[in-house]
Every structure is written in C-alpha cells, then in structure tokens.
C-alpha cells in the first residue's frame, strides 16, 4: 500500500519521521517527540514501535497521509498530543477526548487506585464533575459490582463520558448537575471529585498547551474563594453520604489544610491525605 505526497511520490514512515523531527524538534523535547511519533503512527497507521523498527520503509496508505500531516500542524500550534489523536490512556483503558474535557492525569489514576483499594462490593458511587468519565468508567470497570453515577454540567461533556463507558463496556448513569446548585436527594456510599482547583493567579506558571486547549471551567477557580467547589460538594455530601460513607478529592497541594478544615467543620472524621508520585499532597479522604 502506498501514499502519494503533494508531489506525487510514495512516502514511507522513515521519511515521515524525518519530516516530523525537522518540523518540531525546536519546539518539543527530543524524547517526548519520539514518543509522540510512535503514538501518531500507531493511532493512524496501526504500526507499533517494533513494526516500525523492523520495517521503517513501510509505505503509508494514502488515506492516512492527511491525518499525519495534520498532526504535525496541530503539534506546531501547541495542541496536546491527546487532543491531536483524540484519545488518552487511563488505568490501562482507552478514553475518547475532545477539548470539552480535561486530559486525564497520572495523579488521578492514583486517586482511583486509592478508592479501589478501600472499596467493598455492591456500593453506590458518585463522581462529581466527571469530564471524560475517566474516574467513573474506571471505577465501574474495576470495582466489584458497584453502581456508578456521574455528573457534569452539560451533554457536550456527558456525551464523551457516555461514549467512554460504551467503549470500555461498563454501565454507569450520567446526569446533568451543576456543583454550584446540586438538586438531588439520592444517597451514596462513596463520593469522589476532581473539581476545579487552580487559582487564576497560578495561570502564569502553567504550560501554554494547557492554557490554549484545555477547558478553563474545569481547571480554574476564583482567587477570592479557592475552596468554593470543595465547600459545595462537602455540603452536599454531608446530607447525601450514607453512614460510614467516604468522600475522596483530588486537591491542589496548597489547599490541603483548607480542605481538611472544611471537612472537619462539617463533621467528617478519619481524614487522611495521600501524596502523588511527585510526593505532593494531591489526594484527601474522609468519612461521615
């Protein structure tokens, strides 16, 4: 199978590799760029690293060529690789993505693993602010017969989460709810959330690709009330967690003390925090 470039000649993967690095090497670190190259050719051409090493002269099919060139163009514009190819891996599962939802992070995988390590069978779980559904879908996939509900603010977001539940062959209930004005009398054994927790002042230290492409509503909170979303969720959880139910949060490491005080004030106990792989305080758990 062959692919014609704009001049009508056959293009091979090694030629694409040279073009990829020539165009992007001043913009992206070499090792990262190498990983991106293999993500792209595996996603579009179904050629993995070993197949490329064994056959770098593999001729690109004409139907793949436009996607490969578009990928270079988007990376030039600082688009994260996960949005370029429209998928990301989380907890060993594949998730569809677009710019309506955040890119799943490794520290969120650690949060999910913490929940699973402490989760009896047949429990009811609520994920508030589900985004891509990475938390809800993973919990539904790897828990023992738990019922999972997931909330977010509109169907543009929930359609992605629903697609990911279908893709990963799990059942979960996805509903529109706004954290700012939750209207539900349902009760749960576990509530988990990764709410917006980056203050507007922190924007200046963030990477350009995050600021340009990831949804700001899912990232940022006003400087004057950085614990706003935690407070709203804790108020809801106080009346809607079953006895001995647990709440789990991903947190800004600078907010550990503030979130702990909020939980304690509202009657939660057994408050624990956990460091992520970078040794930062990024997770907190409490019982009602």
C-alpha atoms as a PDB file:
ATOM      1  CA  UNK A   1       0.000   0.000   0.000  1.00  0.00           C
ATOM      2  CA  UNK A   2       1.386   3.400  -0.855  1.00  0.00           C
ATOM      3  CA  UNK A   3       0.759   7.047  -0.176  1.00  0.00           C
ATOM      4  CA  UNK A   4       1.489   9.921  -2.530  1.00  0.00           C
ATOM      5  CA  UNK A   5       2.803  13.150  -1.079  1.00  0.00           C
ATOM      6  CA  UNK A   6       1.909  16.527  -2.578  1.00  0.00           C
ATOM      7  CA  UNK A   7       4.467  15.967  -5.359  1.00  0.00           C
ATOM      8  CA  UNK A   8       3.048  12.552  -6.192  1.00  0.00           C
ATOM      9  CA  UNK A   9       5.826  10.395  -4.730  1.00  0.00           C
ATOM     10  CA  UNK A  10       5.464   7.495  -2.340  1.00  0.00           C
ATOM     11  CA  UNK A  11       6.000   8.395   1.319  1.00  0.00           C
ATOM     12  CA  UNK A  12       7.465   5.979   3.839  1.00  0.00           C
ATOM     13  CA  UNK A  13       7.357   6.104   7.611  1.00  0.00           C
ATOM     14  CA  UNK A  14      11.054   6.887   7.890  1.00  0.00           C
ATOM     15  CA  UNK A  15      10.510   9.880   5.605  1.00  0.00           C
ATOM     16  CA  UNK A  16       7.605  10.985   7.781  1.00  0.00           C
ATOM     17  CA  UNK A  17       9.853  10.541  10.827  1.00  0.00           C
ATOM     18  CA  UNK A  18      12.452  12.882   9.300  1.00  0.00           C
ATOM     19  CA  UNK A  19       9.804  15.472   8.441  1.00  0.00           C
ATOM     20  CA  UNK A  20       8.258  15.142  11.915  1.00  0.00           C
ATOM     21  CA  UNK A  21      11.552  15.887  13.659  1.00  0.00           C
ATOM     22  CA  UNK A  22      12.651  18.551  11.221  1.00  0.00           C
ATOM     23  CA  UNK A  23       9.420  20.478  11.784  1.00  0.00           C
ATOM     24  CA  UNK A  24       9.026  20.005  15.545  1.00  0.00           C
ATOM     25  CA  UNK A  25      12.471  19.471  17.069  1.00  0.00           C
ATOM     26  CA  UNK A  26      12.897  23.129  18.071  1.00  0.00           C
ATOM     27  CA  UNK A  27       9.516  23.124  19.783  1.00  0.00           C
ATOM     28  CA  UNK A  28       9.322  19.775  21.576  1.00  0.00           C
ATOM     29  CA  UNK A  29      11.892  17.827  23.606  1.00  0.00           C
ATOM     30  CA  UNK A  30      13.544  15.010  21.609  1.00  0.00           C
ATOM     31  CA  UNK A  31      12.436  12.144  23.852  1.00  0.00           C
ATOM     32  CA  UNK A  32       8.892  13.451  24.045  1.00  0.00           C
ATOM     33  CA  UNK A  33       8.829  13.945  20.299  1.00  0.00           C
ATOM     34  CA  UNK A  34       9.910  10.352  19.742  1.00  0.00           C
ATOM     35  CA  UNK A  35       7.016   9.154  21.917  1.00  0.00           C
ATOM     36  CA  UNK A  36       4.589  11.398  20.031  1.00  0.00           C
ATOM     37  CA  UNK A  37       5.771   9.992  16.709  1.00  0.00           C
ATOM     38  CA  UNK A  38       5.016   6.437  17.795  1.00  0.00           C
ATOM     39  CA  UNK A  39       1.640   7.409  19.286  1.00  0.00           C
ATOM     40  CA  UNK A  40       0.672   9.002  15.978  1.00  0.00           C
ATOM     41  CA  UNK A  41       1.772   6.227  13.625  1.00  0.00           C
ATOM     42  CA  UNK A  42       0.211   3.568  15.829  1.00  0.00           C
ATOM     43  CA  UNK A  43      -3.045   5.513  16.081  1.00  0.00           C
ATOM     44  CA  UNK A  44      -3.391   6.320  12.374  1.00  0.00           C
ATOM     45  CA  UNK A  45      -1.366   3.615  10.630  1.00  0.00           C
ATOM     46  CA  UNK A  46      -1.650   0.750  13.148  1.00  0.00           C
ATOM     47  CA  UNK A  47       2.145   0.491  13.127  1.00  0.00           C
ATOM     48  CA  UNK A  48       3.690  -0.001  16.570  1.00  0.00           C
ATOM     49  CA  UNK A  49       7.255   0.715  17.606  1.00  0.00           C
ATOM     50  CA  UNK A  50       8.552  -2.788  16.835  1.00  0.00           C
ATOM     51  CA  UNK A  51       6.905  -2.905  13.421  1.00  0.00           C
ATOM     52  CA  UNK A  52       8.473   0.453  12.584  1.00  0.00           C
ATOM     53  CA  UNK A  53      11.939  -0.682  13.711  1.00  0.00           C
ATOM     54  CA  UNK A  54      11.635  -3.820  11.583  1.00  0.00           C
ATOM     55  CA  UNK A  55      10.266  -2.006   8.552  1.00  0.00           C
ATOM     56  CA  UNK A  56      10.989   1.757   8.537  1.00  0.00           C
ATOM     57  CA  UNK A  57      10.384   1.789   4.772  1.00  0.00           C
ATOM     58  CA  UNK A  58       6.728   0.902   5.339  1.00  0.00           C
ATOM     59  CA  UNK A  59       4.720   2.832   2.771  1.00  0.00           C
ATOM     60  CA  UNK A  60       1.965   4.988   4.233  1.00  0.00           C
ATOM     61  CA  UNK A  61      -1.522   4.416   2.901  1.00  0.00           C
ATOM     62  CA  UNK A  62      -2.915   7.446   1.076  1.00  0.00           C
ATOM     63  CA  UNK A  63      -5.942   7.583   3.398  1.00  0.00           C
ATOM     64  CA  UNK A  64      -3.646   8.137   6.403  1.00  0.00           C
ATOM     65  CA  UNK A  65      -1.441  10.837   4.952  1.00  0.00           C
ATOM     66  CA  UNK A  66      -3.688  13.843   5.630  1.00  0.00           C
ATOM     67  CA  UNK A  67      -4.027  12.819   9.293  1.00  0.00           C
ATOM     68  CA  UNK A  68      -0.266  12.527   9.685  1.00  0.00           C
ATOM     69  CA  UNK A  69       0.378  15.975   8.235  1.00  0.00           C
ATOM     70  CA  UNK A  70      -2.459  17.477  10.256  1.00  0.00           C
ATOM     71  CA  UNK A  71      -0.900  16.013  13.410  1.00  0.00           C
ATOM     72  CA  UNK A  72       2.343  17.892  12.713  1.00  0.00           C
ATOM     73  CA  UNK A  73       0.380  21.096  12.094  1.00  0.00           C
ATOM     74  CA  UNK A  74      -1.541  20.775  15.381  1.00  0.00           C
ATOM     75  CA  UNK A  75       1.578  19.978  17.408  1.00  0.00           C
ATOM     76  CA  UNK A  76       3.193  23.084  15.910  1.00  0.00           C
ATOM     77  CA  UNK A  77       0.283  25.020  17.400  1.00  0.00           C
ATOM     78  CA  UNK A  78       0.967  23.571  20.890  1.00  0.00           C
ATOM     79  CA  UNK A  79      -2.029  21.241  20.918  1.00  0.00           C
ATOM     80  CA  UNK A  80      -1.525  18.404  23.432  1.00  0.00           C
ATOM     81  CA  UNK A  81      -0.906  15.063  21.757  1.00  0.00           C
ATOM     82  CA  UNK A  82      -4.003  13.567  23.444  1.00  0.00           C
ATOM     83  CA  UNK A  83      -6.240  16.104  21.675  1.00  0.00           C
ATOM     84  CA  UNK A  84      -4.344  15.619  18.412  1.00  0.00           C
ATOM     85  CA  UNK A  85      -5.200  11.914  18.269  1.00  0.00           C
ATOM     86  CA  UNK A  86      -8.415  12.243  20.273  1.00  0.00           C
ATOM     87  CA  UNK A  87      -7.636   9.525  22.815  1.00  0.00           C
ATOM     88  CA  UNK A  88      -5.767   9.046  26.090  1.00  0.00           C
ATOM     89  CA  UNK A  89      -4.921   6.080  28.292  1.00  0.00           C
ATOM     90  CA  UNK A  90      -6.077   5.967  31.912  1.00  0.00           C
ATOM     91  CA  UNK A  91      -5.897   2.994  34.260  1.00  0.00           C
ATOM     92  CA  UNK A  92      -4.945   0.827  31.290  1.00  0.00           C
ATOM     93  CA  UNK A  93      -8.140   1.808  29.448  1.00  0.00           C
ATOM     94  CA  UNK A  94      -8.535   3.976  26.355  1.00  0.00           C
ATOM     95  CA  UNK A  95     -10.688   7.106  26.511  1.00  0.00           C
ATOM     96  CA  UNK A  96     -12.026   9.353  23.767  1.00  0.00           C
ATOM     97  CA  UNK A  97     -11.199  13.029  24.278  1.00  0.00           C
ATOM     98  CA  UNK A  98     -12.007  16.411  22.858  1.00  0.00           C
ATOM     99  CA  UNK A  99     -11.466  19.951  24.093  1.00  0.00           C
ATOM    100  CA  UNK A 100     -14.664  19.899  26.153  1.00  0.00           C
ATOM    101  CA  UNK A 101     -12.947  17.659  28.727  1.00  0.00           C
ATOM    102  CA  UNK A 102      -9.649  17.624  30.584  1.00  0.00           C
ATOM    103  CA  UNK A 103      -6.836  15.266  29.666  1.00  0.00           C
ATOM    104  CA  UNK A 104      -6.673  12.548  32.367  1.00  0.00           C
ATOM    105  CA  UNK A 105      -3.587  12.842  34.602  1.00  0.00           C
ATOM    106  CA  UNK A 106      -1.466  10.184  36.359  1.00  0.00           C
ATOM    107  CA  UNK A 107      -2.285  11.606  39.801  1.00  0.00           C
ATOM    108  CA  UNK A 108      -5.971  10.991  39.111  1.00  0.00           C
ATOM    109  CA  UNK A 109      -5.117   7.346  38.396  1.00  0.00           C
ATOM    110  CA  UNK A 110      -3.600   7.250  41.879  1.00  0.00           C
ATOM    111  CA  UNK A 111      -6.831   8.639  43.320  1.00  0.00           C
ATOM    112  CA  UNK A 112      -8.864   5.925  41.579  1.00  0.00           C
ATOM    113  CA  UNK A 113      -6.447   3.242  42.774  1.00  0.00           C
ATOM    114  CA  UNK A 114      -6.803   4.535  46.348  1.00  0.00           C
ATOM    115  CA  UNK A 115     -10.601   4.316  46.129  1.00  0.00           C
ATOM    116  CA  UNK A 116     -10.472   0.794  44.697  1.00  0.00           C
ATOM    117  CA  UNK A 117      -8.114  -0.368  47.448  1.00  0.00           C
ATOM    118  CA  UNK A 118     -10.723   0.573  50.042  1.00  0.00           C
ATOM    119  CA  UNK A 119     -13.951  -0.319  48.238  1.00  0.00           C
ATOM    120  CA  UNK A 120     -16.245  -3.165  49.347  1.00  0.00           C
ATOM    121  CA  UNK A 121     -18.560  -4.764  46.741  1.00  0.00           C
ATOM    122  CA  UNK A 122     -22.030  -3.521  45.798  1.00  0.00           C
ATOM    123  CA  UNK A 123     -21.507   0.093  46.839  1.00  0.00           C
ATOM    124  CA  UNK A 124     -23.046   3.186  45.232  1.00  0.00           C
ATOM    125  CA  UNK A 125     -20.531   5.692  43.869  1.00  0.00           C
ATOM    126  CA  UNK A 126     -20.951   9.280  42.667  1.00  0.00           C
ATOM    127  CA  UNK A 127     -18.348  11.071  40.551  1.00  0.00           C
ATOM    128  CA  UNK A 128     -18.957  14.837  40.553  1.00  0.00           C
ATOM    129  CA  UNK A 129     -17.521  16.695  37.556  1.00  0.00           C
ATOM    130  CA  UNK A 130     -16.853  13.551  35.554  1.00  0.00           C
ATOM    131  CA  UNK A 131     -15.442  15.144  32.373  1.00  0.00           C
ATOM    132  CA  UNK A 132     -14.226  12.348  30.100  1.00  0.00           C
ATOM    133  CA  UNK A 133     -15.640   9.857  32.588  1.00  0.00           C
ATOM    134  CA  UNK A 134     -12.182   8.504  33.387  1.00  0.00           C
ATOM    135  CA  UNK A 135     -12.883   8.184  37.127  1.00  0.00           C
ATOM    136  CA  UNK A 136     -16.445   6.871  36.801  1.00  0.00           C
ATOM    137  CA  UNK A 137     -15.681   4.411  33.999  1.00  0.00           C
ATOM    138  CA  UNK A 138     -12.568   3.067  35.734  1.00  0.00           C
ATOM    139  CA  UNK A 139     -14.445   2.569  38.995  1.00  0.00           C
ATOM    140  CA  UNK A 140     -17.267   0.797  37.163  1.00  0.00           C
ATOM    141  CA  UNK A 141     -14.729  -1.365  35.321  1.00  0.00           C
ATOM    142  CA  UNK A 142     -12.558  -2.419  38.239  1.00  0.00           C
ATOM    143  CA  UNK A 143     -14.867  -2.368  41.266  1.00  0.00           C
ATOM    144  CA  UNK A 144     -16.863  -5.360  42.423  1.00  0.00           C
ATOM    145  CA  UNK A 145     -20.468  -4.855  41.275  1.00  0.00           C
ATOM    146  CA  UNK A 146     -20.652  -1.191  42.307  1.00  0.00           C
ATOM    147  CA  UNK A 147     -23.288   1.166  40.895  1.00  0.00           C
ATOM    148  CA  UNK A 148     -21.709   4.309  39.471  1.00  0.00           C
ATOM    149  CA  UNK A 149     -23.379   7.673  38.841  1.00  0.00           C
ATOM    150  CA  UNK A 150     -21.517  10.560  37.230  1.00  0.00           C
ATOM    151  CA  UNK A 151     -22.440  14.239  36.980  1.00  0.00           C
ATOM    152  CA  UNK A 152     -21.325  17.157  34.857  1.00  0.00           C
ATOM    153  CA  UNK A 153     -22.768  20.439  33.684  1.00  0.00           C
ATOM    154  CA  UNK A 154     -23.912  19.676  30.104  1.00  0.00           C
ATOM    155  CA  UNK A 155     -24.461  16.998  27.492  1.00  0.00           C
ATOM    156  CA  UNK A 156     -21.455  18.022  25.379  1.00  0.00           C
ATOM    157  CA  UNK A 157     -19.327  16.725  28.227  1.00  0.00           C
ATOM    158  CA  UNK A 158     -21.552  13.816  29.202  1.00  0.00           C
ATOM    159  CA  UNK A 159     -21.703  12.538  25.615  1.00  0.00           C
ATOM    160  CA  UNK A 160     -17.935  11.990  25.774  1.00  0.00           C
ATOM    161  CA  UNK A 161     -18.275  10.185  29.117  1.00  0.00           C
ATOM    162  CA  UNK A 162     -21.113   8.030  27.765  1.00  0.00           C
ATOM    163  CA  UNK A 163     -19.002   7.127  24.726  1.00  0.00           C
ATOM    164  CA  UNK A 164     -16.174   6.083  27.018  1.00  0.00           C
ATOM    165  CA  UNK A 165     -18.471   3.910  29.110  1.00  0.00           C
ATOM    166  CA  UNK A 166     -19.645   2.206  25.924  1.00  0.00           C
ATOM    167  CA  UNK A 167     -16.096   1.872  24.610  1.00  0.00           C
ATOM    168  CA  UNK A 168     -14.939   0.210  27.815  1.00  0.00           C
ATOM    169  CA  UNK A 169     -18.075  -1.930  28.180  1.00  0.00           C
ATOM    170  CA  UNK A 170     -19.301  -0.636  31.525  1.00  0.00           C
ATOM    171  CA  UNK A 171     -22.610   0.657  32.808  1.00  0.00           C
ATOM    172  CA  UNK A 172     -22.912   3.984  34.576  1.00  0.00           C
ATOM    173  CA  UNK A 173     -25.613   6.614  34.929  1.00  0.00           C
ATOM    174  CA  UNK A 174     -24.627  10.024  33.540  1.00  0.00           C
ATOM    175  CA  UNK A 175     -26.693  13.044  34.620  1.00  0.00           C
ATOM    176  CA  UNK A 176     -26.555  16.822  34.231  1.00  0.00           C
ATOM    177  CA  UNK A 177     -25.896  18.537  37.574  1.00  0.00           C
ATOM    178  CA  UNK A 178     -24.168  21.798  38.440  1.00  0.00           C
ATOM    179  CA  UNK A 179     -21.931  21.666  41.512  1.00  0.00           C
ATOM    180  CA  UNK A 180     -22.990  25.208  42.354  1.00  0.00           C
ATOM    181  CA  UNK A 181     -26.636  24.204  42.782  1.00  0.00           C
ATOM    182  CA  UNK A 182     -26.922  20.451  43.213  1.00  0.00           C
ATOM    183  CA  UNK A 183     -30.512  19.236  43.199  1.00  0.00           C
ATOM    184  CA  UNK A 184     -30.625  15.586  44.233  1.00  0.00           C
ATOM    185  CA  UNK A 185     -31.914  13.559  47.168  1.00  0.00           C
ATOM    186  CA  UNK A 186     -30.016  10.428  46.188  1.00  0.00           C
ATOM    187  CA  UNK A 187     -27.589   8.914  48.679  1.00  0.00           C
ATOM    188  CA  UNK A 188     -24.235   7.260  48.024  1.00  0.00           C
ATOM    189  CA  UNK A 189     -21.594   5.195  49.786  1.00  0.00           C
ATOM    190  CA  UNK A 190     -18.713   6.973  48.032  1.00  0.00           C
ATOM    191  CA  UNK A 191     -18.474  10.466  46.554  1.00  0.00           C
ATOM    192  CA  UNK A 192     -15.407  11.401  44.534  1.00  0.00           C
ATOM    193  CA  UNK A 193     -14.497  14.610  42.749  1.00  0.00           C
ATOM    194  CA  UNK A 194     -11.622  16.227  40.930  1.00  0.00           C
ATOM    195  CA  UNK A 195     -13.079  19.754  40.893  1.00  0.00           C
ATOM    196  CA  UNK A 196     -11.525  22.986  39.550  1.00  0.00           C
ATOM    197  CA  UNK A 197      -8.745  23.885  41.998  1.00  0.00           C
ATOM    198  CA  UNK A 198      -6.201  26.051  40.176  1.00  0.00           C
ATOM    199  CA  UNK A 199      -6.421  29.710  41.163  1.00  0.00           C
ATOM    200  CA  UNK A 200      -6.354  32.367  38.478  1.00  0.00           C
ATOM    201  CA  UNK A 201      -3.057  33.625  39.938  1.00  0.00           C
ATOM    202  CA  UNK A 202      -1.480  30.274  39.054  1.00  0.00           C
ATOM    203  CA  UNK A 203      -2.214  30.718  35.336  1.00  0.00           C
ATOM    204  CA  UNK A 204       1.095  32.468  34.774  1.00  0.00           C
ATOM    205  CA  UNK A 205       3.100  29.363  35.690  1.00  0.00           C
ATOM    206  CA  UNK A 206       1.076  26.926  33.572  1.00  0.00           C
ATOM    207  CA  UNK A 207       2.154  25.446  30.266  1.00  0.00           C
ATOM    208  CA  UNK A 208       0.942  27.129  27.108  1.00  0.00           C
ATOM    209  CA  UNK A 209      -0.658  23.988  25.687  1.00  0.00           C
ATOM    210  CA  UNK A 210      -2.871  23.643  28.782  1.00  0.00           C
ATOM    211  CA  UNK A 211      -3.989  27.272  28.669  1.00  0.00           C
ATOM    212  CA  UNK A 212      -4.697  27.186  24.943  1.00  0.00           C
ATOM    213  CA  UNK A 213      -6.635  23.956  24.709  1.00  0.00           C
ATOM    214  CA  UNK A 214      -7.958  22.535  27.979  1.00  0.00           C
ATOM    215  CA  UNK A 215     -11.366  23.740  29.271  1.00  0.00           C
ATOM    216  CA  UNK A 216     -10.823  26.578  31.729  1.00  0.00           C
ATOM    217  CA  UNK A 217     -14.101  25.898  33.543  1.00  0.00           C
ATOM    218  CA  UNK A 218     -12.727  22.521  34.591  1.00  0.00           C
ATOM    219  CA  UNK A 219      -9.396  23.988  35.727  1.00  0.00           C
ATOM    220  CA  UNK A 220      -9.750  27.377  37.367  1.00  0.00           C
ATOM    221  CA  UNK A 221     -11.360  28.843  40.454  1.00  0.00           C
ATOM    222  CA  UNK A 222     -11.542  32.464  41.581  1.00  0.00           C
ATOM    223  CA  UNK A 223      -8.691  33.675  43.806  1.00  0.00           C
ATOM    224  CA  UNK A 224     -11.127  35.111  46.356  1.00  0.00           C
ATOM    225  CA  UNK A 225     -12.761  31.732  47.061  1.00  0.00           C
ATOM    226  CA  UNK A 226     -10.405  28.903  46.025  1.00  0.00           C
ATOM    227  CA  UNK A 227     -12.273  26.288  48.100  1.00  0.00           C
ATOM    228  CA  UNK A 228     -15.660  27.110  46.561  1.00  0.00           C
ATOM    229  CA  UNK A 229     -16.236  23.788  44.796  1.00  0.00           C
ATOM    230  CA  UNK A 230     -14.945  21.722  47.708  1.00  0.00           C
ATOM    231  CA  UNK A 231     -17.323  23.542  50.030  1.00  0.00           C
ATOM    232  CA  UNK A 232     -20.325  22.932  47.749  1.00  0.00           C
ATOM    233  CA  UNK A 233     -19.533  19.233  47.377  1.00  0.00           C
ATOM    234  CA  UNK A 234     -18.894  18.780  51.105  1.00  0.00           C
ATOM    235  CA  UNK A 235     -22.226  20.456  51.913  1.00  0.00           C
ATOM    236  CA  UNK A 236     -23.975  18.035  49.558  1.00  0.00           C
ATOM    237  CA  UNK A 237     -22.048  15.032  50.851  1.00  0.00           C
ATOM    238  CA  UNK A 238     -22.921  15.851  54.450  1.00  0.00           C
ATOM    239  CA  UNK A 239     -26.577  15.107  53.741  1.00  0.00           C
ATOM    240  CA  UNK A 240     -26.208  12.548  50.952  1.00  0.00           C
ATOM    241  CA  UNK A 241     -23.450  10.180  52.034  1.00  0.00           C
ATOM    242  CA  UNK A 242     -24.651   7.016  53.714  1.00  0.00           C
ATOM    243  CA  UNK A 243     -23.426   6.236  57.239  1.00  0.00           C
ATOM    244  CA  UNK A 244     -19.710   5.401  57.181  1.00  0.00           C
ATOM    245  CA  UNK A 245     -19.578   6.679  53.615  1.00  0.00           C
ATOM    246  CA  UNK A 246     -16.337   8.102  52.239  1.00  0.00           C
ATOM    247  CA  UNK A 247     -15.554  11.215  50.257  1.00  0.00           C
ATOM    248  CA  UNK A 248     -12.435  11.439  48.094  1.00  0.00           C
ATOM    249  CA  UNK A 249     -10.980  14.559  46.498  1.00  0.00           C
ATOM    250  CA  UNK A 250      -8.109  15.384  44.233  1.00  0.00           C
ATOM    251  CA  UNK A 251      -6.708  18.655  45.568  1.00  0.00           C
ATOM    252  CA  UNK A 252      -4.323  21.476  44.863  1.00  0.00           C
ATOM    253  CA  UNK A 253      -1.367  20.743  47.133  1.00  0.00           C
ATOM    254  CA  UNK A 254      -1.681  24.283  48.538  1.00  0.00           C
ATOM    255  CA  UNK A 255      -5.244  23.568  49.673  1.00  0.00           C
ATOM    256  CA  UNK A 256      -4.660  20.546  51.904  1.00  0.00           C
ATOM    257  CA  UNK A 257      -5.123  22.474  55.161  1.00  0.00           C
ATOM    258  CA  UNK A 258      -8.154  24.376  53.885  1.00  0.00           C
ATOM    259  CA  UNK A 259      -9.985  21.291  52.598  1.00  0.00           C
ATOM    260  CA  UNK A 260      -9.147  19.384  55.809  1.00  0.00           C
ATOM    261  CA  UNK A 261     -10.631  22.187  57.920  1.00  0.00           C
ATOM    262  CA  UNK A 262     -13.792  22.254  55.796  1.00  0.00           C
ATOM    263  CA  UNK A 263     -14.258  18.507  56.218  1.00  0.00           C
ATOM    264  CA  UNK A 264     -13.653  18.671  59.944  1.00  0.00           C
ATOM    265  CA  UNK A 265     -16.044  21.610  60.357  1.00  0.00           C
ATOM    266  CA  UNK A 266     -18.838  19.672  58.607  1.00  0.00           C
ATOM    267  CA  UNK A 267     -18.453  16.621  60.853  1.00  0.00           C
ATOM    268  CA  UNK A 268     -16.247  14.380  58.760  1.00  0.00           C
ATOM    269  CA  UNK A 269     -13.621  12.269  60.527  1.00  0.00           C
ATOM    270  CA  UNK A 270     -10.808   9.804  59.732  1.00  0.00           C
ATOM    271  CA  UNK A 271      -9.394  12.496  57.461  1.00  0.00           C
ATOM    272  CA  UNK A 272      -6.423  11.124  55.519  1.00  0.00           C
ATOM    273  CA  UNK A 273      -4.254  12.617  52.807  1.00  0.00           C
ATOM    274  CA  UNK A 274      -2.029  10.888  50.302  1.00  0.00           C
ATOM    275  CA  UNK A 275       0.929  12.051  48.234  1.00  0.00           C
ATOM    276  CA  UNK A 276       1.126  11.536  44.499  1.00  0.00           C
ATOM    277  CA  UNK A 277       4.112  10.102  42.629  1.00  0.00           C
ATOM    278  CA  UNK A 278       5.791  13.511  42.806  1.00  0.00           C
ATOM    279  CA  UNK A 279       5.482  13.488  46.633  1.00  0.00           C
ATOM    280  CA  UNK A 280       2.913  16.287  46.541  1.00  0.00           C
ATOM    281  CA  UNK A 281      -0.229  16.333  48.710  1.00  0.00           C
ATOM    282  CA  UNK A 282      -2.808  15.744  45.996  1.00  0.00           C
ATOM    283  CA  UNK A 283      -5.485  13.462  47.486  1.00  0.00           C
ATOM    284  CA  UNK A 284      -7.673  13.533  50.555  1.00  0.00           C
ATOM    285  CA  UNK A 285     -10.236  11.143  52.015  1.00  0.00           C
ATOM    286  CA  UNK A 286     -12.727  11.465  54.863  1.00  0.00           C
ATOM    287  CA  UNK A 287     -15.609   9.534  56.437  1.00  0.00           C
ATOM    288  CA  UNK A 288     -19.065  10.707  57.529  1.00  0.00           C
END
